[in-house]
Amino acid sequence: METIADRITIDDRICNGKPTIRNKRITVNAILGFLSSGDSREEILLQYPSLENEDIDACLKFASELMNRNFTIKEVA
């Protein structure tokens, strides 16, 4: 298991290795999806009472750090 941003964990036994919040079955992608569709932090925290405001911050930090990486697009046959 790897811990990223103090709250994001990656474990191949949980959610098929997708980044999750503190080993819960709540993926970073799900939280980012809620935010991008216009849900407020308060709405997300109501839907997921085990989450904390800092978990949402960690999701945003994780996404931001991921976008700071270099990517190469290769054509696949």
PDB file of N, CA and C in Angstrom:
ATOM      1  N   MET A   1       0.855  -1.179   0.000  1.00  0.00           N
ATOM      2  CA  MET A   1       0.000   0.000   0.000  1.00  0.00           C
ATOM      3  C   MET A   1       0.896   1.236   0.000  1.00  0.00           C
ATOM      4  N   GLU A   2       0.470   2.229  -0.742  1.00  0.00           N
ATOM      5  CA  GLU A   2       1.195   3.494  -0.795  1.00  0.00           C
ATOM      6  C   GLU A   2       0.277   4.602  -0.293  1.00  0.00           C
ATOM      7  N   THR A   3       0.830   5.511   0.501  1.00  0.00           N
ATOM      8  CA  THR A   3       0.065   6.649   0.987  1.00  0.00           C
ATOM      9  C   THR A   3       0.557   7.906   0.299  1.00  0.00           C
ATOM     10  N   ILE A   4      -0.379   8.690  -0.221  1.00  0.00           N
ATOM     11  CA  ILE A   4      -0.063   9.907  -0.954  1.00  0.00           C
ATOM     12  C   ILE A   4      -0.858  11.043  -0.323  1.00  0.00           C
ATOM     13  N   ALA A   5      -0.213  12.174  -0.172  1.00  0.00           N
ATOM     14  CA  ALA A   5      -0.885  13.362   0.372  1.00  0.00           C
ATOM     15  C   ALA A   5      -1.511  13.079   1.733  1.00  0.00           C
ATOM     16  N   ASP A   6      -0.909  12.190   2.505  1.00  0.00           N
ATOM     17  CA  ASP A   6      -1.320  11.835   3.868  1.00  0.00           C
ATOM     18  C   ASP A   6      -2.696  11.183   3.984  1.00  0.00           C
ATOM     19  N   ARG A   7      -3.519  11.245   2.979  1.00  0.00           N
ATOM     20  CA  ARG A   7      -4.872  10.695   3.091  1.00  0.00           C
ATOM     21  C   ARG A   7      -5.266   9.813   1.913  1.00  0.00           C
ATOM     22  N   ILE A   8      -4.506   9.843   0.858  1.00  0.00           N
ATOM     23  CA  ILE A   8      -4.821   9.060  -0.335  1.00  0.00           C
ATOM     24  C   ILE A   8      -4.002   7.776  -0.296  1.00  0.00           C
ATOM     25  N   THR A   9      -4.678   6.649  -0.434  1.00  0.00           N
ATOM     26  CA  THR A   9      -4.001   5.361  -0.399  1.00  0.00           C
ATOM     27  C   THR A   9      -4.257   4.589  -1.683  1.00  0.00           C
ATOM     28  N   ILE A  10      -3.270   3.794  -2.053  1.00  0.00           N
ATOM     29  CA  ILE A  10      -3.402   2.913  -3.212  1.00  0.00           C
ATOM     30  C   ILE A  10      -3.056   1.510  -2.739  1.00  0.00           C
ATOM     31  N   ASP A  11      -4.030   0.630  -2.820  1.00  0.00           N
ATOM     32  CA  ASP A  11      -3.867  -0.749  -2.395  1.00  0.00           C
ATOM     33  C   ASP A  11      -4.549  -1.615  -3.451  1.00  0.00           C
ATOM     34  N   ASP A  12      -3.801  -2.533  -4.047  1.00  0.00           N
ATOM     35  CA  ASP A  12      -4.375  -3.332  -5.133  1.00  0.00           C
ATOM     36  C   ASP A  12      -5.529  -4.224  -4.671  1.00  0.00           C
ATOM     37  N   ARG A  13      -5.729  -4.366  -3.361  1.00  0.00           N
ATOM     38  CA  ARG A  13      -6.849  -5.154  -2.838  1.00  0.00           C
ATOM     39  C   ARG A  13      -8.113  -4.329  -2.622  1.00  0.00           C
ATOM     40  N   ILE A  14      -8.006  -3.019  -2.772  1.00  0.00           N
ATOM     41  CA  ILE A  14      -9.165  -2.141  -2.542  1.00  0.00           C
ATOM     42  C   ILE A  14      -9.464  -1.378  -3.827  1.00  0.00           C
ATOM     43  N   CYS A  15     -10.684  -1.510  -4.312  1.00  0.00           N
ATOM     44  CA  CYS A  15     -11.138  -0.809  -5.529  1.00  0.00           C
ATOM     45  C   CYS A  15     -10.187  -1.022  -6.703  1.00  0.00           C
ATOM     46  N   ASN A  16      -9.682  -2.245  -6.834  1.00  0.00           N
ATOM     47  CA  ASN A  16      -8.798  -2.620  -7.951  1.00  0.00           C
ATOM     48  C   ASN A  16      -7.583  -1.720  -8.071  1.00  0.00           C
ATOM     49  N   GLY A  17      -7.084  -1.231  -6.966  1.00  0.00           N
ATOM     50  CA  GLY A  17      -5.865  -0.430  -6.982  1.00  0.00           C
ATOM     51  C   GLY A  17      -6.056   1.030  -7.332  1.00  0.00           C
ATOM     52  N   LYS A  18      -7.295   1.470  -7.449  1.00  0.00           N
ATOM     53  CA  LYS A  18      -7.534   2.891  -7.712  1.00  0.00           C
ATOM     54  C   LYS A  18      -7.248   3.689  -6.438  1.00  0.00           C
ATOM     55  N   PRO A  19      -6.813   4.929  -6.589  1.00  0.00           N
ATOM     56  CA  PRO A  19      -6.568   5.758  -5.400  1.00  0.00           C
ATOM     57  C   PRO A  19      -7.861   5.950  -4.601  1.00  0.00           C
ATOM     58  N   THR A  20      -7.766   5.684  -3.299  1.00  0.00           N
ATOM     59  CA  THR A  20      -8.920   5.824  -2.417  1.00  0.00           C
ATOM     60  C   THR A  20      -8.566   6.740  -1.250  1.00  0.00           C
ATOM     61  N   ILE A  21      -9.567   7.076  -0.490  1.00  0.00           N
ATOM     62  CA  ILE A  21      -9.381   7.948   0.664  1.00  0.00           C
ATOM     63  C   ILE A  21      -9.253   7.083   1.917  1.00  0.00           C
ATOM     64  N   ARG A  22      -8.085   7.136   2.537  1.00  0.00           N
ATOM     65  CA  ARG A  22      -7.807   6.452   3.802  1.00  0.00           C
ATOM     66  C   ARG A  22      -8.278   4.994   3.826  1.00  0.00           C
ATOM     67  N   ASN A  23      -8.003   4.277   2.753  1.00  0.00           N
ATOM     68  CA  ASN A  23      -8.353   2.855   2.631  1.00  0.00           C
ATOM     69  C   ASN A  23      -9.849   2.578   2.675  1.00  0.00           C
ATOM     70  N   LYS A  24     -10.654   3.591   2.495  1.00  0.00           N
ATOM     71  CA  LYS A  24     -12.098   3.386   2.409  1.00  0.00           C
ATOM     72  C   LYS A  24     -12.425   3.040   0.956  1.00  0.00           C
ATOM     73  N   ARG A  25     -13.566   2.537   0.715  1.00  0.00           N
ATOM     74  CA  ARG A  25     -13.973   2.221  -0.652  1.00  0.00           C
ATOM     75  C   ARG A  25     -14.606   3.442  -1.314  1.00  0.00           C
ATOM     76  N   ILE A  26     -13.975   4.572  -1.113  1.00  0.00           N
ATOM     77  CA  ILE A  26     -14.388   5.833  -1.732  1.00  0.00           C
ATOM     78  C   ILE A  26     -13.199   6.291  -2.570  1.00  0.00           C
ATOM     79  N   THR A  27     -13.376   6.320  -3.887  1.00  0.00           N
ATOM     80  CA  THR A  27     -12.250   6.659  -4.750  1.00  0.00           C
ATOM     81  C   THR A  27     -12.082   8.166  -4.900  1.00  0.00           C
ATOM     82  N   VAL A  28     -10.854   8.545  -5.152  1.00  0.00           N
ATOM     83  CA  VAL A  28     -10.547   9.944  -5.454  1.00  0.00           C
ATOM     84  C   VAL A  28     -11.351  10.375  -6.673  1.00  0.00           C
ATOM     85  N   ASN A  29     -11.451   9.498  -7.654  1.00  0.00           N
ATOM     86  CA  ASN A  29     -12.194   9.812  -8.870  1.00  0.00           C
ATOM     87  C   ASN A  29     -13.653  10.146  -8.585  1.00  0.00           C
ATOM     88  N   ALA A  30     -14.261   9.412  -7.653  1.00  0.00           N
ATOM     89  CA  ALA A  30     -15.664   9.682  -7.307  1.00  0.00           C
ATOM     90  C   ALA A  30     -15.815  11.080  -6.723  1.00  0.00           C
ATOM     91  N   ILE A  31     -14.928  11.438  -5.812  1.00  0.00           N
ATOM     92  CA  ILE A  31     -15.012  12.761  -5.175  1.00  0.00           C
ATOM     93  C   ILE A  31     -14.763  13.860  -6.205  1.00  0.00           C
ATOM     94  N   LEU A  32     -13.769  13.674  -7.063  1.00  0.00           N
ATOM     95  CA  LEU A  32     -13.504  14.672  -8.105  1.00  0.00           C
ATOM     96  C   LEU A  32     -14.685  14.779  -9.066  1.00  0.00           C
ATOM     97  N   GLY A  33     -15.328  13.657  -9.335  1.00  0.00           N
ATOM     98  CA  GLY A  33     -16.523  13.677 -10.189  1.00  0.00           C
ATOM     99  C   GLY A  33     -17.656  14.480  -9.574  1.00  0.00           C
ATOM    100  N   PHE A  34     -17.876  14.296  -8.276  1.00  0.00           N
ATOM    101  CA  PHE A  34     -18.910  15.072  -7.588  1.00  0.00           C
ATOM    102  C   PHE A  34     -18.599  16.567  -7.644  1.00  0.00           C
ATOM    103  N   LEU A  35     -17.342  16.912  -7.368  1.00  0.00           N
ATOM    104  CA  LEU A  35     -16.951  18.325  -7.397  1.00  0.00           C
ATOM    105  C   LEU A  35     -17.120  18.916  -8.795  1.00  0.00           C
ATOM    106  N   SER A  36     -16.724  18.160  -9.818  1.00  0.00           N
ATOM    107  CA  SER A  36     -16.800  18.691 -11.186  1.00  0.00           C
ATOM    108  C   SER A  36     -18.235  18.814 -11.676  1.00  0.00           C
ATOM    109  N   SER A  37     -19.151  18.050 -11.065  1.00  0.00           N
ATOM    110  CA  SER A  37     -20.554  18.169 -11.468  1.00  0.00           C
ATOM    111  C   SER A  37     -21.285  19.250 -10.687  1.00  0.00           C
ATOM    112  N   GLY A  38     -20.547  19.927  -9.786  1.00  0.00           N
ATOM    113  CA  GLY A  38     -21.144  21.060  -9.088  1.00  0.00           C
ATOM    114  C   GLY A  38     -21.562  20.796  -7.657  1.00  0.00           C
ATOM    115  N   ASP A  39     -21.364  19.574  -7.173  1.00  0.00           N
ATOM    116  CA  ASP A  39     -21.711  19.294  -5.774  1.00  0.00           C
ATOM    117  C   ASP A  39     -20.790  20.086  -4.852  1.00  0.00           C
ATOM    118  N   SER A  40     -21.331  20.584  -3.773  1.00  0.00           N
ATOM    119  CA  SER A  40     -20.528  21.323  -2.803  1.00  0.00           C
ATOM    120  C   SER A  40     -19.843  20.345  -1.852  1.00  0.00           C
ATOM    121  N   ARG A  41     -18.846  20.839  -1.157  1.00  0.00           N
ATOM    122  CA  ARG A  41     -18.177  20.019  -0.137  1.00  0.00           C
ATOM    123  C   ARG A  41     -19.193  19.528   0.891  1.00  0.00           C
ATOM    124  N   GLU A  42     -20.089  20.411   1.281  1.00  0.00           N
ATOM    125  CA  GLU A  42     -21.083  20.056   2.290  1.00  0.00           C
ATOM    126  C   GLU A  42     -21.962  18.905   1.811  1.00  0.00           C
ATOM    127  N   GLU A  43     -22.357  18.935   0.528  1.00  0.00           N
ATOM    128  CA  GLU A  43     -23.185  17.853  -0.014  1.00  0.00           C
ATOM    129  C   GLU A  43     -22.426  16.531  -0.020  1.00  0.00           C
ATOM    130  N   ILE A  44     -21.156  16.585  -0.403  1.00  0.00           N
ATOM    131  CA  ILE A  44     -20.336  15.371  -0.433  1.00  0.00           C
ATOM    132  C   ILE A  44     -20.169  14.818   0.981  1.00  0.00           C
ATOM    133  N   LEU A  45     -19.897  15.685   1.933  1.00  0.00           N
ATOM    134  CA  LEU A  45     -19.714  15.234   3.313  1.00  0.00           C
ATOM    135  C   LEU A  45     -21.009  14.665   3.897  1.00  0.00           C
ATOM    136  N   LEU A  46     -22.159  15.161   3.450  1.00  0.00           N
ATOM    137  CA  LEU A  46     -23.435  14.590   3.888  1.00  0.00           C
ATOM    138  C   LEU A  46     -23.637  13.205   3.292  1.00  0.00           C
ATOM    139  N   GLN A  47     -23.232  13.030   2.028  1.00  0.00           N
ATOM    140  CA  GLN A  47     -23.378  11.732   1.360  1.00  0.00           C
ATOM    141  C   GLN A  47     -22.420  10.695   1.929  1.00  0.00           C
ATOM    142  N   TYR A  48     -21.261  11.141   2.375  1.00  0.00           N
ATOM    143  CA  TYR A  48     -20.226  10.256   2.906  1.00  0.00           C
ATOM    144  C   TYR A  48     -19.819  10.743   4.307  1.00  0.00           C
ATOM    145  N   PRO A  49     -20.583  10.396   5.326  1.00  0.00           N
ATOM    146  CA  PRO A  49     -20.320  10.909   6.677  1.00  0.00           C
ATOM    147  C   PRO A  49     -18.953  10.523   7.245  1.00  0.00           C
ATOM    148  N   SER A  50     -18.320   9.492   6.710  1.00  0.00           N
ATOM    149  CA  SER A  50     -17.006   9.096   7.228  1.00  0.00           C
ATOM    150  C   SER A  50     -15.876   9.956   6.674  1.00  0.00           C
ATOM    151  N   LEU A  51     -16.191  10.804   5.694  1.00  0.00           N
ATOM    152  CA  LEU A  51     -15.175  11.696   5.126  1.00  0.00           C
ATOM    153  C   LEU A  51     -15.036  12.954   5.961  1.00  0.00           C
ATOM    154  N   GLU A  52     -13.877  13.574   5.809  1.00  0.00           N
ATOM    155  CA  GLU A  52     -13.602  14.856   6.452  1.00  0.00           C
ATOM    156  C   GLU A  52     -13.257  15.869   5.370  1.00  0.00           C
ATOM    157  N   ASN A  53     -13.401  17.120   5.678  1.00  0.00           N
ATOM    158  CA  ASN A  53     -13.098  18.185   4.730  1.00  0.00           C
ATOM    159  C   ASN A  53     -11.669  18.048   4.185  1.00  0.00           C
ATOM    160  N   GLU A  54     -10.748  17.623   5.040  1.00  0.00           N
ATOM    161  CA  GLU A  54      -9.353  17.457   4.630  1.00  0.00           C
ATOM    162  C   GLU A  54      -9.196  16.351   3.585  1.00  0.00           C
ATOM    163  N   ASP A  55     -10.112  15.392   3.560  1.00  0.00           N
ATOM    164  CA  ASP A  55     -10.071  14.342   2.541  1.00  0.00           C
ATOM    165  C   ASP A  55     -10.329  14.935   1.156  1.00  0.00           C
ATOM    166  N   ILE A  56     -11.252  15.870   1.089  1.00  0.00           N
ATOM    167  CA  ILE A  56     -11.538  16.527  -0.190  1.00  0.00           C
ATOM    168  C   ILE A  56     -10.343  17.357  -0.626  1.00  0.00           C
ATOM    169  N   ASP A  57      -9.727  18.051   0.318  1.00  0.00           N
ATOM    170  CA  ASP A  57      -8.499  18.797   0.011  1.00  0.00           C
ATOM    171  C   ASP A  57      -7.430  17.862  -0.549  1.00  0.00           C
ATOM    172  N   ALA A  58      -7.281  16.685   0.057  1.00  0.00           N
ATOM    173  CA  ALA A  58      -6.274  15.720  -0.391  1.00  0.00           C
ATOM    174  C   ALA A  58      -6.566  15.228  -1.807  1.00  0.00           C
ATOM    175  N   CYS A  59      -7.845  15.055  -2.139  1.00  0.00           N
ATOM    176  CA  CYS A  59      -8.207  14.641  -3.503  1.00  0.00           C
ATOM    177  C   CYS A  59      -7.788  15.705  -4.512  1.00  0.00           C
ATOM    178  N   LEU A  60      -8.040  16.948  -4.178  1.00  0.00           N
ATOM    179  CA  LEU A  60      -7.659  18.043  -5.077  1.00  0.00           C
ATOM    180  C   LEU A  60      -6.141  18.149  -5.193  1.00  0.00           C
ATOM    181  N   LYS A  61      -5.440  17.971  -4.092  1.00  0.00           N
ATOM    182  CA  LYS A  61      -3.982  18.005  -4.117  1.00  0.00           C
ATOM    183  C   LYS A  61      -3.432  16.854  -4.955  1.00  0.00           C
ATOM    184  N   PHE A  62      -4.009  15.676  -4.794  1.00  0.00           N
ATOM    185  CA  PHE A  62      -3.592  14.511  -5.568  1.00  0.00           C
ATOM    186  C   PHE A  62      -3.754  14.774  -7.059  1.00  0.00           C
ATOM    187  N   ALA A  63      -4.906  15.302  -7.456  1.00  0.00           N
ATOM    188  CA  ALA A  63      -5.158  15.588  -8.864  1.00  0.00           C
ATOM    189  C   ALA A  63      -4.198  16.648  -9.385  1.00  0.00           C
ATOM    190  N   SER A  64      -3.940  17.654  -8.588  1.00  0.00           N
ATOM    191  CA  SER A  64      -3.025  18.720  -8.987  1.00  0.00           C
ATOM    192  C   SER A  64      -1.615  18.178  -9.181  1.00  0.00           C
ATOM    193  N   GLU A  65      -1.152  17.349  -8.264  1.00  0.00           N
ATOM    194  CA  GLU A  65       0.191  16.779  -8.383  1.00  0.00           C
ATOM    195  C   GLU A  65       0.291  15.838  -9.576  1.00  0.00           C
ATOM    196  N   LEU A  66      -0.777  15.128  -9.864  1.00  0.00           N
ATOM    197  CA  LEU A  66      -0.794  14.239 -11.021  1.00  0.00           C
ATOM    198  C   LEU A  66      -0.663  15.038 -12.317  1.00  0.00           C
ATOM    199  N   MET A  67      -1.278  16.197 -12.363  1.00  0.00           N
ATOM    200  CA  MET A  67      -1.214  17.031 -13.564  1.00  0.00           C
ATOM    201  C   MET A  67       0.146  17.703 -13.736  1.00  0.00           C
ATOM    202  N   ASN A  68       0.960  17.715 -12.705  1.00  0.00           N
ATOM    203  CA  ASN A  68       2.302  18.284 -12.804  1.00  0.00           C
ATOM    204  C   ASN A  68       3.305  17.327 -13.436  1.00  0.00           C
ATOM    205  N   ARG A  69       2.889  16.117 -13.715  1.00  0.00           N
ATOM    206  CA  ARG A  69       3.783  15.137 -14.324  1.00  0.00           C
ATOM    207  C   ARG A  69       3.830  15.334 -15.831  1.00  0.00           C
ATOM    208  N   ASN A  70       4.890  14.839 -16.442  1.00  0.00           N
ATOM    209  CA  ASN A  70       5.019  14.888 -17.901  1.00  0.00           C
ATOM    210  C   ASN A  70       4.389  13.646 -18.499  1.00  0.00           C
ATOM    211  N   PHE A  71       3.709  13.834 -19.609  1.00  0.00           N
ATOM    212  CA  PHE A  71       3.060  12.730 -20.283  1.00  0.00           C
ATOM    213  C   PHE A  71       3.538  12.660 -21.720  1.00  0.00           C
ATOM    214  N   THR A  72       3.658  11.463 -22.249  1.00  0.00           N
ATOM    215  CA  THR A  72       4.021  11.252 -23.641  1.00  0.00           C
ATOM    216  C   THR A  72       2.918  10.443 -24.288  1.00  0.00           C
ATOM    217  N   ILE A  73       2.434  10.945 -25.397  1.00  0.00           N
ATOM    218  CA  ILE A  73       1.389  10.235 -26.130  1.00  0.00           C
ATOM    219  C   ILE A  73       2.057   9.428 -27.242  1.00  0.00           C
ATOM    220  N   LYS A  74       1.804   8.137 -27.223  1.00  0.00           N
ATOM    221  CA  LYS A  74       2.361   7.254 -28.241  1.00  0.00           C
ATOM    222  C   LYS A  74       1.234   6.585 -28.985  1.00  0.00           C
ATOM    223  N   GLU A  75       1.422   6.447 -30.278  1.00  0.00           N
ATOM    224  CA  GLU A  75       0.427   5.770 -31.094  1.00  0.00           C
ATOM    225  C   GLU A  75       0.561   4.277 -30.898  1.00  0.00           C
ATOM    226  N   VAL A  76      -0.567   3.616 -30.672  1.00  0.00           N
ATOM    227  CA  VAL A  76      -0.572   2.177 -30.457  1.00  0.00           C
ATOM    228  C   VAL A  76      -1.210   1.529 -31.652  1.00  0.00           C
ATOM    229  N   ALA A  77      -0.574   0.514 -32.169  1.00  0.00           N
ATOM    230  CA  ALA A  77      -1.072  -0.177 -33.376  1.00  0.00           C
ATOM    231  C   ALA A  77      -2.242  -1.052 -33.055  1.00  0.00           C
TER     232      ALA A  77
END
